[in-house]
Structure formats: C-alpha cells, structure tokens
Amino acid sequence: MNALRPILSLAAILATTAGSALAAPASSSNHMGIGAWLFIGFCALIFVAQLTPALLLLFGMVKGAFGSKEKTSSTHRFT
C-alpha cells in the first residue's frame, strides 16, 4: 500500500492540473467544426425554401398590377 501512495498522489496532481489545460482555447485551431457548417447549411436551406415561394408571389403580384388587362364580357349566356 505504501508503494501505491506516490502513484496515486501523482495521478491526483496531474488530474487536477490537466483540467485547466483542457479548458483553455486552442490558439492554432480557429476553424469551425463540421457541426457548425451543418447548422449554417440547414439555416440556408430553410431560407431558400421560404424565399422561393415569396419571390413567385411577388412576381405574380407585379405581373397582375402592371400586366395587360383583358376585357371580360358582362353578359353571360346560361342555357
């Protein structure tokens, strides 16, 4: 048991000091991970999916407002 005490003491010291080193930000890796890129891509997909019908509606409204007006006959024949 006496031989195990220095090993356990060394392991406890290393375990307590390694926590702050692992929590420190890495200065050499400032790049985003794959999860961040997937999230940005998913947000872009939602944006494009909502932008497409909005643009179609806008073009339809502009075409209806500035397009040529067809004359409709006011008399309908019912048989």
PDB file of N, CA and C in Angstrom:
ATOM      1  N   MET A   1       0.820  -1.192   0.000  1.00  0.00           N
ATOM      2  CA  MET A   1       0.000   0.000   0.000  1.00  0.00           C
ATOM      3  C   MET A   1       0.860   1.250   0.000  1.00  0.00           C
ATOM      4  N   ASN A   2       2.046   1.169   0.623  1.00  0.00           N
ATOM      5  CA  ASN A   2       2.938   2.325   0.656  1.00  0.00           C
ATOM      6  C   ASN A   2       3.503   2.642  -0.724  1.00  0.00           C
ATOM      7  N   ALA A   3       3.665   1.650  -1.568  1.00  0.00           N
ATOM      8  CA  ALA A   3       4.193   1.878  -2.906  1.00  0.00           C
ATOM      9  C   ALA A   3       3.128   2.505  -3.815  1.00  0.00           C
ATOM     10  N   LEU A   4       1.880   2.291  -3.517  1.00  0.00           N
ATOM     11  CA  LEU A   4       0.787   2.808  -4.327  1.00  0.00           C
ATOM     12  C   LEU A   4       0.486   4.273  -4.023  1.00  0.00           C
ATOM     13  N   ARG A   5       0.862   4.733  -2.840  1.00  0.00           N
ATOM     14  CA  ARG A   5       0.568   6.112  -2.422  1.00  0.00           C
ATOM     15  C   ARG A   5       1.230   7.171  -3.311  1.00  0.00           C
ATOM     16  N   PRO A   6       2.510   7.082  -3.685  1.00  0.00           N
ATOM     17  CA  PRO A   6       3.095   8.104  -4.562  1.00  0.00           C
ATOM     18  C   PRO A   6       2.472   8.106  -5.969  1.00  0.00           C
ATOM     19  N   ILE A   7       2.108   6.926  -6.433  1.00  0.00           N
ATOM     20  CA  ILE A   7       1.487   6.850  -7.763  1.00  0.00           C
ATOM     21  C   ILE A   7       0.123   7.519  -7.746  1.00  0.00           C
ATOM     22  N   LEU A   8      -0.664   7.271  -6.710  1.00  0.00           N
ATOM     23  CA  LEU A   8      -1.986   7.898  -6.594  1.00  0.00           C
ATOM     24  C   LEU A   8      -1.869   9.408  -6.390  1.00  0.00           C
ATOM     25  N   SER A   9      -0.850   9.836  -5.626  1.00  0.00           N
ATOM     26  CA  SER A   9      -0.639  11.268  -5.429  1.00  0.00           C
ATOM     27  C   SER A   9      -0.266  11.953  -6.745  1.00  0.00           C
ATOM     28  N   LEU A  10       0.603  11.326  -7.499  1.00  0.00           N
ATOM     29  CA  LEU A  10       0.987  11.881  -8.793  1.00  0.00           C
ATOM     30  C   LEU A  10      -0.204  11.917  -9.748  1.00  0.00           C
ATOM     31  N   ALA A  11      -1.022  10.896  -9.750  1.00  0.00           N
ATOM     32  CA  ALA A  11      -2.203  10.860 -10.620  1.00  0.00           C
ATOM     33  C   ALA A  11      -3.198  11.942 -10.216  1.00  0.00           C
ATOM     34  N   ALA A  12      -3.368  12.184  -8.924  1.00  0.00           N
ATOM     35  CA  ALA A  12      -4.288  13.225  -8.455  1.00  0.00           C
ATOM     36  C   ALA A  12      -3.769  14.608  -8.834  1.00  0.00           C
ATOM     37  N   ILE A  13      -2.487  14.832  -8.724  1.00  0.00           N
ATOM     38  CA  ILE A  13      -1.916  16.138  -9.091  1.00  0.00           C
ATOM     39  C   ILE A  13      -2.061  16.378 -10.588  1.00  0.00           C
ATOM     40  N   LEU A  14      -1.774  15.357 -11.389  1.00  0.00           N
ATOM     41  CA  LEU A  14      -1.900  15.504 -12.836  1.00  0.00           C
ATOM     42  C   LEU A  14      -3.351  15.703 -13.269  1.00  0.00           C
ATOM     43  N   ALA A  15      -4.274  15.033 -12.597  1.00  0.00           N
ATOM     44  CA  ALA A  15      -5.684  15.152 -12.960  1.00  0.00           C
ATOM     45  C   ALA A  15      -6.236  16.537 -12.622  1.00  0.00           C
ATOM     46  N   THR A  16      -5.787  17.133 -11.537  1.00  0.00           N
ATOM     47  CA  THR A  16      -6.303  18.454 -11.172  1.00  0.00           C
ATOM     48  C   THR A  16      -5.699  19.558 -12.019  1.00  0.00           C
ATOM     49  N   THR A  17      -4.456  19.399 -12.471  1.00  0.00           N
ATOM     50  CA  THR A  17      -3.847  20.444 -13.286  1.00  0.00           C
ATOM     51  C   THR A  17      -4.207  20.306 -14.766  1.00  0.00           C
ATOM     52  N   ALA A  18      -4.609  19.145 -15.197  1.00  0.00           N
ATOM     53  CA  ALA A  18      -4.941  18.940 -16.607  1.00  0.00           C
ATOM     54  C   ALA A  18      -6.290  19.563 -16.953  1.00  0.00           C
ATOM     55  N   GLY A  19      -7.154  19.792 -15.983  1.00  0.00           N
ATOM     56  CA  GLY A  19      -8.472  20.359 -16.266  1.00  0.00           C
ATOM     57  C   GLY A  19      -8.403  21.756 -16.844  1.00  0.00           C
ATOM     58  N   SER A  20      -7.534  22.593 -16.312  1.00  0.00           N
ATOM     59  CA  SER A  20      -7.421  23.944 -16.841  1.00  0.00           C
ATOM     60  C   SER A  20      -6.745  23.959 -18.205  1.00  0.00           C
ATOM     61  N   ALA A  21      -5.866  23.032 -18.464  1.00  0.00           N
ATOM     62  CA  ALA A  21      -5.213  22.974 -19.768  1.00  0.00           C
ATOM     63  C   ALA A  21      -6.186  22.514 -20.839  1.00  0.00           C
ATOM     64  N   LEU A  22      -7.078  21.605 -20.511  1.00  0.00           N
ATOM     65  CA  LEU A  22      -8.056  21.137 -21.486  1.00  0.00           C
ATOM     66  C   LEU A  22      -9.152  22.161 -21.722  1.00  0.00           C
ATOM     67  N   ALA A  23      -9.419  23.019 -20.753  1.00  0.00           N
ATOM     68  CA  ALA A  23     -10.461  24.020 -20.913  1.00  0.00           C
ATOM     69  C   ALA A  23      -9.977  25.259 -21.653  1.00  0.00           C
ATOM     70  N   ALA A  24      -8.677  25.419 -21.793  1.00  0.00           N
ATOM     71  CA  ALA A  24      -8.135  26.592 -22.466  1.00  0.00           C
ATOM     72  C   ALA A  24      -8.394  26.485 -23.965  1.00  0.00           C
ATOM     73  N   PRO A  25      -8.688  27.608 -24.615  1.00  0.00           N
ATOM     74  CA  PRO A  25      -8.923  27.543 -26.060  1.00  0.00           C
ATOM     75  C   PRO A  25      -7.631  27.267 -26.820  1.00  0.00           C
ATOM     76  N   ALA A  26      -7.756  26.529 -27.870  1.00  0.00           N
ATOM     77  CA  ALA A  26      -6.581  26.223 -28.689  1.00  0.00           C
ATOM     78  C   ALA A  26      -6.302  27.402 -29.601  1.00  0.00           C
ATOM     79  N   SER A  27      -5.114  27.931 -29.547  1.00  0.00           N
ATOM     80  CA  SER A  27      -4.790  29.125 -30.323  1.00  0.00           C
ATOM     81  C   SER A  27      -4.566  28.803 -31.799  1.00  0.00           C
ATOM     82  N   SER A  28      -4.195  27.589 -32.120  1.00  0.00           N
ATOM     83  CA  SER A  28      -3.884  27.272 -33.517  1.00  0.00           C
ATOM     84  C   SER A  28      -5.102  26.832 -34.308  1.00  0.00           C
ATOM     85  N   SER A  29      -6.170  26.373 -33.663  1.00  0.00           N
ATOM     86  CA  SER A  29      -7.342  25.902 -34.410  1.00  0.00           C
ATOM     87  C   SER A  29      -8.500  26.867 -34.186  1.00  0.00           C
ATOM     88  N   ASN A  30      -8.618  27.833 -35.086  1.00  0.00           N
ATOM     89  CA  ASN A  30      -9.708  28.797 -35.018  1.00  0.00           C
ATOM     90  C   ASN A  30     -10.776  28.508 -36.062  1.00  0.00           C
ATOM     91  N   HIS A  31     -10.845  27.305 -36.552  1.00  0.00           N
ATOM     92  CA  HIS A  31     -11.782  26.946 -37.595  1.00  0.00           C
ATOM     93  C   HIS A  31     -13.038  26.332 -36.988  1.00  0.00           C
ATOM     94  N   MET A  32     -14.151  26.500 -37.715  1.00  0.00           N
ATOM     95  CA  MET A  32     -15.401  25.908 -37.253  1.00  0.00           C
ATOM     96  C   MET A  32     -15.398  24.425 -37.573  1.00  0.00           C
ATOM     97  N   GLY A  33     -16.111  23.677 -36.775  1.00  0.00           N
ATOM     98  CA  GLY A  33     -16.199  22.253 -36.995  1.00  0.00           C
ATOM     99  C   GLY A  33     -17.311  21.905 -37.978  1.00  0.00           C
ATOM    100  N   ILE A  34     -17.483  20.621 -38.208  1.00  0.00           N
ATOM    101  CA  ILE A  34     -18.486  20.156 -39.166  1.00  0.00           C
ATOM    102  C   ILE A  34     -19.899  20.431 -38.652  1.00  0.00           C
ATOM    103  N   GLY A  35     -20.075  20.421 -37.351  1.00  0.00           N
ATOM    104  CA  GLY A  35     -21.404  20.702 -36.798  1.00  0.00           C
ATOM    105  C   GLY A  35     -21.856  22.123 -37.070  1.00  0.00           C
ATOM    106  N   ALA A  36     -20.937  23.063 -36.984  1.00  0.00           N
ATOM    107  CA  ALA A  36     -21.276  24.462 -37.268  1.00  0.00           C
ATOM    108  C   ALA A  36     -21.618  24.638 -38.738  1.00  0.00           C
ATOM    109  N   TRP A  37     -20.877  23.979 -39.626  1.00  0.00           N
ATOM    110  CA  TRP A  37     -21.168  24.091 -41.059  1.00  0.00           C
ATOM    111  C   TRP A  37     -22.490  23.436 -41.406  1.00  0.00           C
ATOM    112  N   LEU A  38     -22.819  22.319 -40.756  1.00  0.00           N
ATOM    113  CA  LEU A  38     -24.117  21.682 -40.990  1.00  0.00           C
ATOM    114  C   LEU A  38     -25.260  22.573 -40.516  1.00  0.00           C
ATOM    115  N   PHE A  39     -25.079  23.242 -39.406  1.00  0.00           N
ATOM    116  CA  PHE A  39     -26.105  24.144 -38.889  1.00  0.00           C
ATOM    117  C   PHE A  39     -26.304  25.331 -39.832  1.00  0.00           C
ATOM    118  N   ILE A  40     -25.220  25.924 -40.326  1.00  0.00           N
ATOM    119  CA  ILE A  40     -25.323  27.047 -41.257  1.00  0.00           C
ATOM    120  C   ILE A  40     -25.969  26.596 -42.562  1.00  0.00           C
ATOM    121  N   GLY A  41     -25.627  25.415 -43.037  1.00  0.00           N
ATOM    122  CA  GLY A  41     -26.245  24.884 -44.251  1.00  0.00           C
ATOM    123  C   GLY A  41     -27.721  24.626 -44.084  1.00  0.00           C
ATOM    124  N   PHE A  42     -28.120  24.132 -42.929  1.00  0.00           N
ATOM    125  CA  PHE A  42     -29.539  23.883 -42.653  1.00  0.00           C
ATOM    126  C   PHE A  42     -30.312  25.201 -42.597  1.00  0.00           C
ATOM    127  N   CYS A  43     -29.719  26.220 -41.995  1.00  0.00           N
ATOM    128  CA  CYS A  43     -30.367  27.540 -41.959  1.00  0.00           C
ATOM    129  C   CYS A  43     -30.490  28.128 -43.364  1.00  0.00           C
ATOM    130  N   ALA A  44     -29.475  27.946 -44.195  1.00  0.00           N
ATOM    131  CA  ALA A  44     -29.533  28.426 -45.580  1.00  0.00           C
ATOM    132  C   ALA A  44     -30.604  27.679 -46.366  1.00  0.00           C
ATOM    133  N   LEU A  45     -30.759  26.402 -46.109  1.00  0.00           N
ATOM    134  CA  LEU A  45     -31.793  25.620 -46.779  1.00  0.00           C
ATOM    135  C   LEU A  45     -33.188  26.110 -46.411  1.00  0.00           C
ATOM    136  N   ILE A  46     -33.408  26.416 -45.156  1.00  0.00           N
ATOM    137  CA  ILE A  46     -34.700  26.967 -44.722  1.00  0.00           C
ATOM    138  C   ILE A  46     -34.935  28.322 -45.369  1.00  0.00           C
ATOM    139  N   PHE A  47     -33.900  29.155 -45.436  1.00  0.00           N
ATOM    140  CA  PHE A  47     -34.027  30.483 -46.036  1.00  0.00           C
ATOM    141  C   PHE A  47     -34.406  30.385 -47.511  1.00  0.00           C
ATOM    142  N   VAL A  48     -33.748  29.518 -48.260  1.00  0.00           N
ATOM    143  CA  VAL A  48     -34.044  29.361 -49.688  1.00  0.00           C
ATOM    144  C   VAL A  48     -35.428  28.764 -49.884  1.00  0.00           C
ATOM    145  N   ALA A  49     -35.818  27.833 -49.034  1.00  0.00           N
ATOM    146  CA  ALA A  49     -37.138  27.218 -49.158  1.00  0.00           C
ATOM    147  C   ALA A  49     -38.253  28.230 -48.902  1.00  0.00           C
ATOM    148  N   GLN A  50     -38.035  29.224 -48.097  1.00  0.00           N
ATOM    149  CA  GLN A  50     -39.039  30.249 -47.858  1.00  0.00           C
ATOM    150  C   GLN A  50     -38.925  31.397 -48.850  1.00  0.00           C
ATOM    151  N   LEU A  51     -37.775  31.598 -49.431  1.00  0.00           N
ATOM    152  CA  LEU A  51     -37.581  32.693 -50.379  1.00  0.00           C
ATOM    153  C   LEU A  51     -38.201  32.379 -51.739  1.00  0.00           C
ATOM    154  N   THR A  52     -38.186  31.138 -52.160  1.00  0.00           N
ATOM    155  CA  THR A  52     -38.705  30.760 -53.474  1.00  0.00           C
ATOM    156  C   THR A  52     -40.194  31.064 -53.616  1.00  0.00           C
ATOM    157  N   PRO A  53     -41.083  30.627 -52.722  1.00  0.00           N
ATOM    158  CA  PRO A  53     -42.499  30.973 -52.879  1.00  0.00           C
ATOM    159  C   PRO A  53     -42.763  32.475 -52.723  1.00  0.00           C
ATOM    160  N   ALA A  54     -41.963  33.139 -51.908  1.00  0.00           N
ATOM    161  CA  ALA A  54     -42.146  34.580 -51.738  1.00  0.00           C
ATOM    162  C   ALA A  54     -41.833  35.322 -53.033  1.00  0.00           C
ATOM    163  N   LEU A  55     -40.777  34.921 -53.724  1.00  0.00           N
ATOM    164  CA  LEU A  55     -40.444  35.566 -54.995  1.00  0.00           C
ATOM    165  C   LEU A  55     -41.485  35.261 -56.063  1.00  0.00           C
ATOM    166  N   LEU A  56     -41.997  34.038 -56.103  1.00  0.00           N
ATOM    167  CA  LEU A  56     -43.050  33.707 -57.059  1.00  0.00           C
ATOM    168  C   LEU A  56     -44.306  34.533 -56.801  1.00  0.00           C
ATOM    169  N   LEU A  57     -44.663  34.728 -55.567  1.00  0.00           N
ATOM    170  CA  LEU A  57     -45.814  35.550 -55.220  1.00  0.00           C
ATOM    171  C   LEU A  57     -45.574  37.006 -55.593  1.00  0.00           C
ATOM    172  N   LEU A  58     -44.380  37.505 -55.358  1.00  0.00           N
ATOM    173  CA  LEU A  58     -44.054  38.883 -55.708  1.00  0.00           C
ATOM    174  C   LEU A  58     -44.136  39.108 -57.215  1.00  0.00           C
ATOM    175  N   PHE A  59     -43.579  38.182 -57.995  1.00  0.00           N
ATOM    176  CA  PHE A  59     -43.642  38.322 -59.449  1.00  0.00           C
ATOM    177  C   PHE A  59     -45.083  38.240 -59.941  1.00  0.00           C
ATOM    178  N   GLY A  60     -45.896  37.399 -59.338  1.00  0.00           N
ATOM    179  CA  GLY A  60     -47.305  37.314 -59.717  1.00  0.00           C
ATOM    180  C   GLY A  60     -48.056  38.598 -59.409  1.00  0.00           C
ATOM    181  N   MET A  61     -47.754  39.222 -58.279  1.00  0.00           N
ATOM    182  CA  MET A  61     -48.410  40.482 -57.923  1.00  0.00           C
ATOM    183  C   MET A  61     -47.984  41.600 -58.864  1.00  0.00           C
ATOM    184  N   VAL A  62     -46.695  41.651 -59.215  1.00  0.00           N
ATOM    185  CA  VAL A  62     -46.210  42.679 -60.141  1.00  0.00           C
ATOM    186  C   VAL A  62     -46.815  42.468 -61.525  1.00  0.00           C
ATOM    187  N   LYS A  63     -46.910  41.241 -61.958  1.00  0.00           N
ATOM    188  CA  LYS A  63     -47.498  40.939 -63.256  1.00  0.00           C
ATOM    189  C   LYS A  63     -48.982  41.300 -63.267  1.00  0.00           C
ATOM    190  N   GLY A  64     -49.674  41.046 -62.178  1.00  0.00           N
ATOM    191  CA  GLY A  64     -51.083  41.396 -62.096  1.00  0.00           C
ATOM    192  C   GLY A  64     -51.307  42.896 -62.035  1.00  0.00           C
ATOM    193  N   ALA A  65     -50.403  43.622 -61.407  1.00  0.00           N
ATOM    194  CA  ALA A  65     -50.581  45.067 -61.271  1.00  0.00           C
ATOM    195  C   ALA A  65     -50.208  45.803 -62.551  1.00  0.00           C
ATOM    196  N   PHE A  66     -49.164  45.374 -63.241  1.00  0.00           N
ATOM    197  CA  PHE A  66     -48.682  46.095 -64.404  1.00  0.00           C
ATOM    198  C   PHE A  66     -48.933  45.368 -65.717  1.00  0.00           C
ATOM    199  N   GLY A  67     -49.561  44.218 -65.679  1.00  0.00           N
ATOM    200  CA  GLY A  67     -49.811  43.450 -66.887  1.00  0.00           C
ATOM    201  C   GLY A  67     -50.974  44.016 -67.681  1.00  0.00           C
ATOM    202  N   SER A  68     -51.176  43.474 -68.878  1.00  0.00           N
ATOM    203  CA  SER A  68     -52.288  43.939 -69.710  1.00  0.00           C
ATOM    204  C   SER A  68     -53.601  43.415 -69.138  1.00  0.00           C
ATOM    205  N   LYS A  69     -54.611  44.267 -69.190  1.00  0.00           N
ATOM    206  CA  LYS A  69     -55.915  43.889 -68.655  1.00  0.00           C
ATOM    207  C   LYS A  69     -56.777  43.385 -69.811  1.00  0.00           C
ATOM    208  N   GLU A  70     -57.308  42.220 -69.645  1.00  0.00           N
ATOM    209  CA  GLU A  70     -58.182  41.646 -70.660  1.00  0.00           C
ATOM    210  C   GLU A  70     -59.611  42.111 -70.410  1.00  0.00           C
ATOM    211  N   LYS A  71     -60.319  42.364 -71.487  1.00  0.00           N
ATOM    212  CA  LYS A  71     -61.716  42.766 -71.349  1.00  0.00           C
ATOM    213  C   LYS A  71     -62.563  41.528 -71.150  1.00  0.00           C
ATOM    214  N   THR A  72     -63.427  41.582 -70.185  1.00  0.00           N
ATOM    215  CA  THR A  72     -64.340  40.479 -69.934  1.00  0.00           C
ATOM    216  C   THR A  72     -65.735  40.918 -70.314  1.00  0.00           C
ATOM    217  N   SER A  73     -66.471  40.023 -70.896  1.00  0.00           N
ATOM    218  CA  SER A  73     -67.839  40.377 -71.272  1.00  0.00           C
ATOM    219  C   SER A  73     -68.734  40.324 -70.043  1.00  0.00           C
ATOM    220  N   SER A  74     -69.638  41.300 -69.975  1.00  0.00           N
ATOM    221  CA  SER A  74     -70.516  41.380 -68.818  1.00  0.00           C
ATOM    222  C   SER A  74     -71.778  40.550 -68.995  1.00  0.00           C
ATOM    223  N   THR A  75     -72.029  40.078 -70.197  1.00  0.00           N
ATOM    224  CA  THR A  75     -73.217  39.256 -70.429  1.00  0.00           C
ATOM    225  C   THR A  75     -72.798  37.803 -70.499  1.00  0.00           C
ATOM    226  N   HIS A  76     -73.428  36.996 -69.699  1.00  0.00           N
ATOM    227  CA  HIS A  76     -73.164  35.572 -69.686  1.00  0.00           C
ATOM    228  C   HIS A  76     -74.386  34.848 -70.233  1.00  0.00           C
ATOM    229  N   ARG A  77     -74.154  33.850 -70.993  1.00  0.00           N
ATOM    230  CA  ARG A  77     -75.249  33.083 -71.538  1.00  0.00           C
ATOM    231  C   ARG A  77     -75.408  31.820 -70.734  1.00  0.00           C
ATOM    232  N   PHE A  78     -76.573  31.640 -70.195  1.00  0.00           N
ATOM    233  CA  PHE A  78     -76.883  30.433 -69.435  1.00  0.00           C
ATOM    234  C   PHE A  78     -77.857  29.607 -70.244  1.00  0.00           C
ATOM    235  N   THR A  79     -77.601  28.371 -70.460  1.00  0.00           N
ATOM    236  CA  THR A  79     -78.515  27.517 -71.211  1.00  0.00           C
ATOM    237  C   THR A  79     -79.137  26.478 -70.343  1.00  0.00           C
TER     238      THR A  79
END
